[in-house]
Amino acid sequence: SPRRETRTRRLVRALAQDFRVHVVSESE
C-alpha cells in the first residue's frame, strides 16, 4: 500500500500532480 512512505508513495505523489491515478495494492 502507498500509505507507507516508500518509493511507490513518492511515485504516486508525483504522478497525481498531472494525471488521474488509480492504485491497486494488497491489503495490509
PDB file of all heavy atoms in Angstrom:
ATOM      1  N   SER A   1       0.824  -1.201   0.000  1.00  0.00           N
ATOM      2  CA  SER A   1       0.000   0.000   0.000  1.00  0.00           C
ATOM      3  C   SER A   1       0.860   1.253   0.000  1.00  0.00           C
ATOM      4  O   SER A   1       1.822   1.349   0.762  1.00  0.00           O
ATOM      5  CB  SER A   1      -0.906   0.019   1.236  1.00  0.00           C
ATOM      6  OG  SER A   1      -1.534   1.284   1.354  1.00  0.00           O
ATOM      7  N   PRO A   2       0.516   2.238  -0.828  1.00  0.00           N
ATOM      8  CA  PRO A   2       1.275   3.507  -0.818  1.00  0.00           C
ATOM      9  C   PRO A   2       0.952   4.381   0.387  1.00  0.00           C
ATOM     10  O   PRO A   2       1.400   5.517   0.449  1.00  0.00           O
ATOM     11  CB  PRO A   2       0.834   4.177  -2.130  1.00  0.00           C
ATOM     12  CG  PRO A   2      -0.513   3.628  -2.407  1.00  0.00           C
ATOM     13  CD  PRO A   2      -0.491   2.221  -1.892  1.00  0.00           C
ATOM     14  N   ARG A   3       0.175   3.854   1.342  1.00  0.00           N
ATOM     15  CA  ARG A   3       0.019   4.600   2.592  1.00  0.00           C
ATOM     16  C   ARG A   3       1.369   4.732   3.285  1.00  0.00           C
ATOM     17  O   ARG A   3       1.607   5.673   4.031  1.00  0.00           O
ATOM     18  CB  ARG A   3      -0.973   3.879   3.510  1.00  0.00           C
ATOM     19  CG  ARG A   3      -2.417   4.042   3.080  1.00  0.00           C
ATOM     20  CD  ARG A   3      -3.376   3.431   4.081  1.00  0.00           C
ATOM     21  NE  ARG A   3      -3.305   1.987   4.099  1.00  0.00           N
ATOM     22  CZ  ARG A   3      -3.068   1.257   5.180  1.00  0.00           C
ATOM     23  NH1 ARG A   3      -2.840   1.839   6.331  1.00  0.00           N
ATOM     24  NH2 ARG A   3      -3.047  -0.056   5.122  1.00  0.00           N
ATOM     25  N   ARG A   4       2.240   3.749   3.079  1.00  0.00           N
ATOM     26  CA  ARG A   4       3.578   3.826   3.655  1.00  0.00           C
ATOM     27  C   ARG A   4       4.454   4.770   2.841  1.00  0.00           C
ATOM     28  O   ARG A   4       4.269   4.928   1.635  1.00  0.00           O
ATOM     29  CB  ARG A   4       4.216   2.438   3.687  1.00  0.00           C
ATOM     30  CG  ARG A   4       3.531   1.462   4.614  1.00  0.00           C
ATOM     31  CD  ARG A   4       4.349   0.205   4.707  1.00  0.00           C
ATOM     32  NE  ARG A   4       3.796  -0.729   5.665  1.00  0.00           N
ATOM     33  CZ  ARG A   4       4.407  -1.846   6.051  1.00  0.00           C
ATOM     34  NH1 ARG A   4       5.602  -2.141   5.550  1.00  0.00           N
ATOM     35  NH2 ARG A   4       3.850  -2.658   6.919  1.00  0.00           N
ATOM     36  N   GLU A   5       5.418   5.365   3.524  1.00  0.00           N
ATOM     37  CA  GLU A   5       6.328   6.295   2.850  1.00  0.00           C
ATOM     38  C   GLU A   5       7.420   5.484   2.148  1.00  0.00           C
ATOM     39  O   GLU A   5       8.454   5.163   2.707  1.00  0.00           O
ATOM     40  CB  GLU A   5       6.941   7.257   3.862  1.00  0.00           C
ATOM     41  CG  GLU A   5       7.719   8.383   3.232  1.00  0.00           C
ATOM     42  CD  GLU A   5       6.875   9.248   2.322  1.00  0.00           C
ATOM     43  OE1 GLU A   5       5.794   9.691   2.728  1.00  0.00           O
ATOM     44  OE2 GLU A   5       7.309   9.468   1.178  1.00  0.00           O
ATOM     45  N   THR A   6       7.148   5.105   0.896  1.00  0.00           N
ATOM     46  CA  THR A   6       8.039   4.248   0.128  1.00  0.00           C
ATOM     47  C   THR A   6       8.247   4.857  -1.256  1.00  0.00           C
ATOM     48  O   THR A   6       7.696   5.911  -1.589  1.00  0.00           O
ATOM     49  CB  THR A   6       7.433   2.843  -0.038  1.00  0.00           C
ATOM     50  OG1 THR A   6       6.166   2.974  -0.718  1.00  0.00           O
ATOM     51  CG2 THR A   6       7.203   2.178   1.315  1.00  0.00           C
ATOM     52  N   ARG A   7       9.024   4.143  -2.089  1.00  0.00           N
ATOM     53  CA  ARG A   7       9.203   4.583  -3.471  1.00  0.00           C
ATOM     54  C   ARG A   7       7.860   4.660  -4.186  1.00  0.00           C
ATOM     55  O   ARG A   7       7.620   5.559  -4.990  1.00  0.00           O
ATOM     56  CB  ARG A   7      10.129   3.621  -4.224  1.00  0.00           C
ATOM     57  CG  ARG A   7      11.585   3.718  -3.838  1.00  0.00           C
ATOM     58  CD  ARG A   7      12.432   2.702  -4.591  1.00  0.00           C
ATOM     59  NE  ARG A   7      12.572   3.050  -5.997  1.00  0.00           N
ATOM     60  CZ  ARG A   7      12.038   2.366  -6.998  1.00  0.00           C
ATOM     61  NH1 ARG A   7      11.275   1.320  -6.763  1.00  0.00           N
ATOM     62  NH2 ARG A   7      12.248   2.717  -8.235  1.00  0.00           N
ATOM     63  N   THR A   8       6.963   3.698  -3.903  1.00  0.00           N
ATOM     64  CA  THR A   8       5.649   3.720  -4.547  1.00  0.00           C
ATOM     65  C   THR A   8       4.872   4.967  -4.152  1.00  0.00           C
ATOM     66  O   THR A   8       4.215   5.596  -4.982  1.00  0.00           O
ATOM     67  CB  THR A   8       4.855   2.454  -4.189  1.00  0.00           C
ATOM     68  OG1 THR A   8       5.587   1.301  -4.613  1.00  0.00           O
ATOM     69  CG2 THR A   8       3.497   2.454  -4.862  1.00  0.00           C
ATOM     70  N   ARG A   9       4.943   5.336  -2.873  1.00  0.00           N
ATOM     71  CA  ARG A   9       4.251   6.536  -2.413  1.00  0.00           C
ATOM     72  C   ARG A   9       4.783   7.774  -3.140  1.00  0.00           C
ATOM     73  O   ARG A   9       4.015   8.653  -3.552  1.00  0.00           O
ATOM     74  CB  ARG A   9       4.453   6.680  -0.898  1.00  0.00           C
ATOM     75  CG  ARG A   9       3.902   7.958  -0.275  1.00  0.00           C
ATOM     76  CD  ARG A   9       2.380   7.955  -0.204  1.00  0.00           C
ATOM     77  NE  ARG A   9       1.885   9.110   0.525  1.00  0.00           N
ATOM     78  CZ  ARG A   9       1.638   9.137   1.835  1.00  0.00           C
ATOM     79  NH1 ARG A   9       1.860   8.047   2.574  1.00  0.00           N
ATOM     80  NH2 ARG A   9       1.170  10.205   2.415  1.00  0.00           N
ATOM     81  N   ARG A  10       6.090   7.857  -3.303  1.00  0.00           N
ATOM     82  CA  ARG A  10       6.670   9.016  -3.984  1.00  0.00           C
ATOM     83  C   ARG A  10       6.277   9.030  -5.460  1.00  0.00           C
ATOM     84  O   ARG A  10       6.021  10.092  -6.037  1.00  0.00           O
ATOM     85  CB  ARG A  10       8.189   9.007  -3.829  1.00  0.00           C
ATOM     86  CG  ARG A  10       8.812  10.349  -4.166  1.00  0.00           C
ATOM     87  CD  ARG A  10      10.230  10.478  -3.683  1.00  0.00           C
ATOM     88  NE  ARG A  10      10.684  11.857  -3.822  1.00  0.00           N
ATOM     89  CZ  ARG A  10      11.913  12.263  -3.560  1.00  0.00           C
ATOM     90  NH1 ARG A  10      12.805  11.405  -3.127  1.00  0.00           N
ATOM     91  NH2 ARG A  10      12.257  13.521  -3.704  1.00  0.00           N
ATOM     92  N   LEU A  11       6.208   7.867  -6.071  1.00  0.00           N
ATOM     93  CA  LEU A  11       5.763   7.774  -7.463  1.00  0.00           C
ATOM     94  C   LEU A  11       4.321   8.258  -7.599  1.00  0.00           C
ATOM     95  O   LEU A  11       3.994   9.047  -8.491  1.00  0.00           O
ATOM     96  CB  LEU A  11       5.889   6.330  -7.946  1.00  0.00           C
ATOM     97  CG  LEU A  11       5.291   6.014  -9.321  1.00  0.00           C
ATOM     98  CD1 LEU A  11       6.055   6.760 -10.409  1.00  0.00           C
ATOM     99  CD2 LEU A  11       5.310   4.519  -9.578  1.00  0.00           C
ATOM    100  N   VAL A  12       3.457   7.778  -6.707  1.00  0.00           N
ATOM    101  CA  VAL A  12       2.048   8.174  -6.741  1.00  0.00           C
ATOM    102  C   VAL A  12       1.910   9.675  -6.521  1.00  0.00           C
ATOM    103  O   VAL A  12       1.138  10.354  -7.209  1.00  0.00           O
ATOM    104  CB  VAL A  12       1.261   7.381  -5.677  1.00  0.00           C
ATOM    105  CG1 VAL A  12      -0.138   7.956  -5.493  1.00  0.00           C
ATOM    106  CG2 VAL A  12       1.181   5.910  -6.069  1.00  0.00           C
ATOM    107  N   ARG A  13       2.666  10.202  -5.576  1.00  0.00           N
ATOM    108  CA  ARG A  13       2.618  11.642  -5.294  1.00  0.00           C
ATOM    109  C   ARG A  13       3.016  12.454  -6.529  1.00  0.00           C
ATOM    110  O   ARG A  13       2.412  13.494  -6.823  1.00  0.00           O
ATOM    111  CB  ARG A  13       3.557  11.968  -4.132  1.00  0.00           C
ATOM    112  CG  ARG A  13       3.546  13.430  -3.723  1.00  0.00           C
ATOM    113  CD  ARG A  13       4.622  13.717  -2.695  1.00  0.00           C
ATOM    114  NE  ARG A  13       4.353  13.044  -1.439  1.00  0.00           N
ATOM    115  CZ  ARG A  13       5.165  12.182  -0.851  1.00  0.00           C
ATOM    116  NH1 ARG A  13       6.327  11.867  -1.431  1.00  0.00           N
ATOM    117  NH2 ARG A  13       4.862  11.641   0.296  1.00  0.00           N
ATOM    118  N   ALA A  14       4.028  11.982  -7.235  1.00  0.00           N
ATOM    119  CA  ALA A  14       4.484  12.698  -8.428  1.00  0.00           C
ATOM    120  C   ALA A  14       3.436  12.643  -9.537  1.00  0.00           C
ATOM    121  O   ALA A  14       3.077  13.665 -10.127  1.00  0.00           O
ATOM    122  CB  ALA A  14       5.800  12.104  -8.914  1.00  0.00           C
ATOM    123  N   LEU A  15       2.926  11.455  -9.828  1.00  0.00           N
ATOM    124  CA  LEU A  15       2.003  11.281 -10.941  1.00  0.00           C
ATOM    125  C   LEU A  15       0.679  11.991 -10.705  1.00  0.00           C
ATOM    126  O   LEU A  15       0.064  12.518 -11.645  1.00  0.00           O
ATOM    127  CB  LEU A  15       1.752   9.787 -11.185  1.00  0.00           C
ATOM    128  CG  LEU A  15       2.953   8.977 -11.672  1.00  0.00           C
ATOM    129  CD1 LEU A  15       2.594   7.501 -11.782  1.00  0.00           C
ATOM    130  CD2 LEU A  15       3.454   9.504 -13.015  1.00  0.00           C
ATOM    131  N   ALA A  16       0.213  12.018  -9.455  1.00  0.00           N
ATOM    132  CA  ALA A  16      -1.089  12.620  -9.152  1.00  0.00           C
ATOM    133  C   ALA A  16      -1.094  14.129  -9.366  1.00  0.00           C
ATOM    134  O   ALA A  16      -2.167  14.738  -9.415  1.00  0.00           O
ATOM    135  CB  ALA A  16      -1.493  12.289  -7.717  1.00  0.00           C
ATOM    136  N   GLN A  17       0.088  14.738  -9.513  1.00  0.00           N
ATOM    137  CA  GLN A  17       0.138  16.178  -9.786  1.00  0.00           C
ATOM    138  C   GLN A  17      -0.440  16.510 -11.159  1.00  0.00           C
ATOM    139  O   GLN A  17      -1.042  17.562 -11.350  1.00  0.00           O
ATOM    140  CB  GLN A  17       1.584  16.669  -9.708  1.00  0.00           C
ATOM    141  CG  GLN A  17       2.196  16.596  -8.317  1.00  0.00           C
ATOM    142  CD  GLN A  17       3.661  17.015  -8.309  1.00  0.00           C
ATOM    143  OE1 GLN A  17       4.187  17.484  -9.316  1.00  0.00           O
ATOM    144  NE2 GLN A  17       4.323  16.855  -7.174  1.00  0.00           N
ATOM    145  N   ASP A  18      -0.253  15.583 -12.135  1.00  0.00           N
ATOM    146  CA  ASP A  18      -0.650  15.872 -13.516  1.00  0.00           C
ATOM    147  C   ASP A  18      -1.630  14.870 -14.117  1.00  0.00           C
ATOM    148  O   ASP A  18      -2.173  15.122 -15.194  1.00  0.00           O
ATOM    149  CB  ASP A  18       0.595  15.913 -14.418  1.00  0.00           C
ATOM    150  CG  ASP A  18       1.505  17.090 -14.126  1.00  0.00           C
ATOM    151  OD1 ASP A  18       1.082  17.990 -13.371  1.00  0.00           O
ATOM    152  OD2 ASP A  18       2.631  17.106 -14.633  1.00  0.00           O
ATOM    153  N   PHE A  19      -1.828  13.724 -13.465  1.00  0.00           N
ATOM    154  CA  PHE A  19      -2.642  12.676 -14.060  1.00  0.00           C
ATOM    155  C   PHE A  19      -3.697  12.164 -13.072  1.00  0.00           C
ATOM    156  O   PHE A  19      -3.571  12.353 -11.869  1.00  0.00           O
ATOM    157  CB  PHE A  19      -1.761  11.487 -14.483  1.00  0.00           C
ATOM    158  CG  PHE A  19      -0.660  11.833 -15.435  1.00  0.00           C
ATOM    159  CD1 PHE A  19       0.644  12.026 -14.982  1.00  0.00           C
ATOM    160  CD2 PHE A  19      -0.911  11.974 -16.796  1.00  0.00           C
ATOM    161  CE1 PHE A  19       1.671  12.344 -15.859  1.00  0.00           C
ATOM    162  CE2 PHE A  19       0.106  12.296 -17.676  1.00  0.00           C
ATOM    163  CZ  PHE A  19       1.405  12.478 -17.216  1.00  0.00           C
ATOM    164  N   ARG A  20      -4.723  11.507 -13.631  1.00  0.00           N
ATOM    165  CA  ARG A  20      -5.668  10.768 -12.792  1.00  0.00           C
ATOM    166  C   ARG A  20      -5.047   9.406 -12.511  1.00  0.00           C
ATOM    167  O   ARG A  20      -4.811   8.630 -13.447  1.00  0.00           O
ATOM    168  CB  ARG A  20      -7.000  10.596 -13.501  1.00  0.00           C
ATOM    169  CG  ARG A  20      -7.794  11.878 -13.712  1.00  0.00           C
ATOM    170  CD  ARG A  20      -9.059  11.599 -14.493  1.00  0.00           C
ATOM    171  NE  ARG A  20      -8.749  11.010 -15.800  1.00  0.00           N
ATOM    172  CZ  ARG A  20      -9.655  10.400 -16.567  1.00  0.00           C
ATOM    173  NH1 ARG A  20     -10.900  10.280 -16.169  1.00  0.00           N
ATOM    174  NH2 ARG A  20      -9.296   9.905 -17.745  1.00  0.00           N
ATOM    175  N   VAL A  21      -4.800   9.132 -11.249  1.00  0.00           N
ATOM    176  CA  VAL A  21      -4.054   7.929 -10.870  1.00  0.00           C
ATOM    177  C   VAL A  21      -4.937   7.017 -10.025  1.00  0.00           C
ATOM    178  O   VAL A  21      -5.593   7.460  -9.081  1.00  0.00           O
ATOM    179  CB  VAL A  21      -2.778   8.290 -10.077  1.00  0.00           C
ATOM    180  CG1 VAL A  21      -2.002   7.029  -9.704  1.00  0.00           C
ATOM    181  CG2 VAL A  21      -1.897   9.226 -10.903  1.00  0.00           C
ATOM    182  N   HIS A  22      -4.946   5.748 -10.389  1.00  0.00           N
ATOM    183  CA  HIS A  22      -5.654   4.715  -9.631  1.00  0.00           C
ATOM    184  C   HIS A  22      -4.623   3.665  -9.218  1.00  0.00           C
ATOM    185  O   HIS A  22      -3.872   3.168 -10.060  1.00  0.00           O
ATOM    186  CB  HIS A  22      -6.752   4.089 -10.493  1.00  0.00           C
ATOM    187  CG  HIS A  22      -7.521   3.003  -9.809  1.00  0.00           C
ATOM    188  ND1 HIS A  22      -8.250   2.062 -10.506  1.00  0.00           N
ATOM    189  CD2 HIS A  22      -7.668   2.690  -8.492  1.00  0.00           C
ATOM    190  CE1 HIS A  22      -8.828   1.238  -9.655  1.00  0.00           C
ATOM    191  NE2 HIS A  22      -8.484   1.583  -8.425  1.00  0.00           N
ATOM    192  N   VAL A  23      -4.571   3.357  -7.944  1.00  0.00           N
ATOM    193  CA  VAL A  23      -3.612   2.373  -7.417  1.00  0.00           C
ATOM    194  C   VAL A  23      -4.383   1.167  -6.897  1.00  0.00           C
ATOM    195  O   VAL A  23      -5.383   1.312  -6.188  1.00  0.00           O
ATOM    196  CB  VAL A  23      -2.771   2.971  -6.266  1.00  0.00           C
ATOM    197  CG1 VAL A  23      -1.722   1.955  -5.796  1.00  0.00           C
ATOM    198  CG2 VAL A  23      -2.109   4.271  -6.687  1.00  0.00           C
ATOM    199  N   VAL A  24      -3.916  -0.026  -7.239  1.00  0.00           N
ATOM    200  CA  VAL A  24      -4.443  -1.260  -6.664  1.00  0.00           C
ATOM    201  C   VAL A  24      -3.296  -1.950  -5.953  1.00  0.00           C
ATOM    202  O   VAL A  24      -2.245  -2.210  -6.549  1.00  0.00           O
ATOM    203  CB  VAL A  24      -5.038  -2.196  -7.733  1.00  0.00           C
ATOM    204  CG1 VAL A  24      -5.577  -3.467  -7.083  1.00  0.00           C
ATOM    205  CG2 VAL A  24      -6.145  -1.488  -8.500  1.00  0.00           C
ATOM    206  N   SER A  25      -3.480  -2.222  -4.661  1.00  0.00           N
ATOM    207  CA  SER A  25      -2.422  -2.853  -3.881  1.00  0.00           C
ATOM    208  C   SER A  25      -3.011  -3.936  -2.994  1.00  0.00           C
ATOM    209  O   SER A  25      -4.233  -4.011  -2.795  1.00  0.00           O
ATOM    210  CB  SER A  25      -1.693  -1.818  -3.012  1.00  0.00           C
ATOM    211  OG  SER A  25      -2.533  -1.385  -1.951  1.00  0.00           O
ATOM    212  N   GLU A  26      -2.129  -4.751  -2.454  1.00  0.00           N
ATOM    213  CA  GLU A  26      -2.560  -5.766  -1.497  1.00  0.00           C
ATOM    214  C   GLU A  26      -2.939  -5.088  -0.180  1.00  0.00           C
ATOM    215  O   GLU A  26      -2.284  -4.147   0.266  1.00  0.00           O
ATOM    216  CB  GLU A  26      -1.427  -6.760  -1.252  1.00  0.00           C
ATOM    217  CG  GLU A  26      -1.780  -7.851  -0.266  1.00  0.00           C
ATOM    218  CD  GLU A  26      -0.645  -8.843  -0.057  1.00  0.00           C
ATOM    219  OE1 GLU A  26       0.313  -8.819  -0.859  1.00  0.00           O
ATOM    220  OE2 GLU A  26      -0.722  -9.629   0.897  1.00  0.00           O
ATOM    221  N   SER A  27      -4.008  -5.559   0.430  1.00  0.00           N
ATOM    222  CA  SER A  27      -4.441  -5.011   1.705  1.00  0.00           C
ATOM    223  C   SER A  27      -3.535  -5.506   2.821  1.00  0.00           C
ATOM    224  O   SER A  27      -3.312  -6.708   2.965  1.00  0.00           O
ATOM    225  CB  SER A  27      -5.882  -5.425   2.002  1.00  0.00           C
ATOM    226  OG  SER A  27      -6.245  -5.048   3.317  1.00  0.00           O
ATOM    227  N   GLU A  28      -3.009  -4.583   3.616  1.00  0.00           N
ATOM    228  CA  GLU A  28      -2.139  -4.969   4.727  1.00  0.00           C
ATOM    229  C   GLU A  28      -2.938  -5.481   5.911  1.00  0.00           C
ATOM    230  O   GLU A  28      -2.480  -6.316   6.668  1.00  0.00           O
ATOM    231  CB  GLU A  28      -1.286  -3.772   5.149  1.00  0.00           C
ATOM    232  CG  GLU A  28      -0.314  -3.329   4.076  1.00  0.00           C
ATOM    233  CD  GLU A  28       0.506  -2.133   4.495  1.00  0.00           C
ATOM    234  OE1 GLU A  28       0.192  -1.533   5.527  1.00  0.00           O
ATOM    235  OE2 GLU A  28       1.477  -1.814   3.789  1.00  0.00           O
TER     236      GLU A  28
END
